[in-house]
Amino acid sequence: MTEFQMRVYKAVEQIPYGRVVTYGEVARMAGSPRASRAVGNILHKNPFFGVVPCHRVVHADGALAEPFAFGGERIQREMLEKEGISFTKEGKVDMKKYGYIFD
């Protein structure tokens, strides 16, 4: 595992229950703010399911990840709903309400 991958997983571990962050925010926290696509690729192969809550990472507009690594968009939505996150009628997370920015 690369150092960047480890930083991505460490950043995602810090996302609070009931909140979401964007791929770009994770990239910024991992030290490579322009690497949001790389973050997506890394999380799609998350070997730490249940430890690294990659279901809490969404697109900047609140859309879910179609290729969510553990069962697709429907499973990601179910996992977020279990944490109390609701969705707009367009099926997106309200980023103003549930979005989280790392300090």
Protein backbone atom coordinates (compact mmCIF):
# COMPACT_ATOMS: atom_id res chain seq x y z
CA MET A 1 0.00 0.00 0.00
CA THR A 2 1.32 3.44 -0.90
CA GLU A 3 1.73 6.30 1.53
CA PHE A 4 -0.98 8.26 -0.32
CA GLN A 5 -3.43 5.36 0.00
CA MET A 6 -2.75 5.18 3.73
CA ARG A 7 -3.36 8.94 4.05
CA VAL A 8 -6.66 8.58 2.16
CA TYR A 9 -7.87 5.80 4.46
CA LYS A 10 -6.79 7.74 7.56
CA ALA A 11 -8.69 10.82 6.35
CA VAL A 12 -11.86 8.81 5.67
CA GLU A 13 -11.65 7.22 9.12
CA GLN A 14 -12.06 10.74 10.58
CA ILE A 15 -15.43 11.45 8.93
CA PRO A 16 -18.00 11.70 11.74
CA TYR A 17 -21.04 9.44 11.87
CA GLY A 18 -23.97 11.09 10.10
CA ARG A 19 -21.79 13.35 7.94
CA VAL A 20 -20.32 13.13 4.45
CA VAL A 21 -17.33 14.62 2.66
CA THR A 22 -16.42 14.98 -0.99
CA TYR A 23 -13.71 13.14 -2.85
CA GLY A 24 -11.97 16.48 -3.23
CA GLU A 25 -12.02 17.12 0.51
CA VAL A 26 -10.49 13.70 1.16
CA ALA A 27 -7.81 14.43 -1.46
CA ARG A 28 -7.05 17.75 0.26
CA MET A 29 -6.76 16.07 3.66
CA ALA A 30 -4.51 13.39 2.18
CA GLY A 31 -2.14 16.08 0.90
CA SER A 32 -3.02 16.04 -2.81
CA PRO A 33 -5.93 18.44 -3.37
CA ARG A 34 -6.12 17.73 -7.11
CA ALA A 35 -6.32 13.95 -6.70
CA SER A 36 -10.06 13.44 -6.20
CA ARG A 37 -10.24 10.83 -8.98
CA ALA A 38 -7.39 8.91 -7.39
CA VAL A 39 -9.27 9.01 -4.08
CA GLY A 40 -12.29 7.49 -5.81
CA ASN A 41 -10.17 4.70 -7.25
CA ILE A 42 -8.58 4.02 -3.89
CA LEU A 43 -11.89 3.91 -2.04
CA HIS A 44 -13.42 1.66 -4.68
CA LYS A 45 -10.85 -0.94 -3.56
CA ASN A 46 -11.17 -0.29 0.18
CA PRO A 47 -9.81 -3.41 1.92
CA PHE A 48 -11.00 -2.11 5.30
CA PHE A 49 -14.79 -2.31 4.95
CA GLY A 50 -16.39 -1.67 8.32
CA VAL A 51 -13.32 0.23 9.53
CA VAL A 52 -12.86 2.88 6.84
CA PRO A 53 -16.35 4.34 6.23
CA CYS A 54 -15.97 5.01 2.52
CA HIS A 55 -19.77 5.16 2.18
CA ARG A 56 -19.50 8.66 3.71
CA VAL A 57 -17.64 10.00 0.65
CA VAL A 58 -19.81 11.50 -2.09
CA HIS A 59 -19.49 13.71 -5.15
CA ALA A 60 -19.30 17.49 -4.67
CA ASP A 61 -22.97 17.90 -5.63
CA GLY A 62 -24.07 15.27 -3.08
CA ALA A 63 -24.52 12.52 -5.65
CA LEU A 64 -23.64 9.00 -4.61
CA ALA A 65 -20.90 6.90 -6.15
CA GLU A 66 -22.40 4.68 -8.84
CA PRO A 67 -19.58 2.13 -8.56
CA PHE A 68 -19.72 2.07 -4.74
CA ALA A 69 -17.38 -0.74 -3.83
CA PHE A 70 -19.72 -2.69 -1.57
CA GLY A 71 -22.90 -3.19 -3.55
CA GLY A 72 -23.51 -0.06 -5.53
CA GLU A 73 -25.38 3.18 -5.05
CA ARG A 74 -28.41 1.55 -3.37
CA ILE A 75 -26.26 0.04 -0.61
CA GLN A 76 -24.39 3.32 -0.08
CA ARG A 77 -27.71 5.16 0.28
CA GLU A 78 -29.01 2.58 2.77
CA MET A 79 -25.84 2.89 4.85
CA LEU A 80 -26.13 6.69 4.93
CA GLU A 81 -29.83 6.58 5.77
CA LYS A 82 -29.04 4.31 8.72
CA GLU A 83 -26.85 7.17 9.98
CA GLY A 84 -29.76 9.61 9.73
CA ILE A 85 -28.76 11.23 6.44
CA SER A 86 -31.73 12.12 4.27
CA PHE A 87 -31.80 12.71 0.54
CA THR A 88 -33.29 15.30 -1.75
CA LYS A 89 -35.97 14.31 -4.23
CA GLU A 90 -33.13 14.17 -6.80
CA GLY A 91 -31.48 11.45 -4.72
CA LYS A 92 -28.58 13.56 -3.49
CA VAL A 93 -27.23 14.34 -0.04
CA ASP A 94 -27.89 17.90 1.12
CA MET A 95 -24.28 19.03 1.43
CA LYS A 96 -25.20 22.16 3.40
CA LYS A 97 -26.85 20.00 6.06
CA TYR A 98 -24.61 16.91 6.12
CA GLY A 99 -21.35 18.02 4.50
CA TYR A 100 -18.26 18.02 6.67
CA ILE A 101 -15.06 19.99 6.19
CA PHE A 102 -11.90 18.83 7.94
CA ASP A 103 -10.08 21.47 9.97
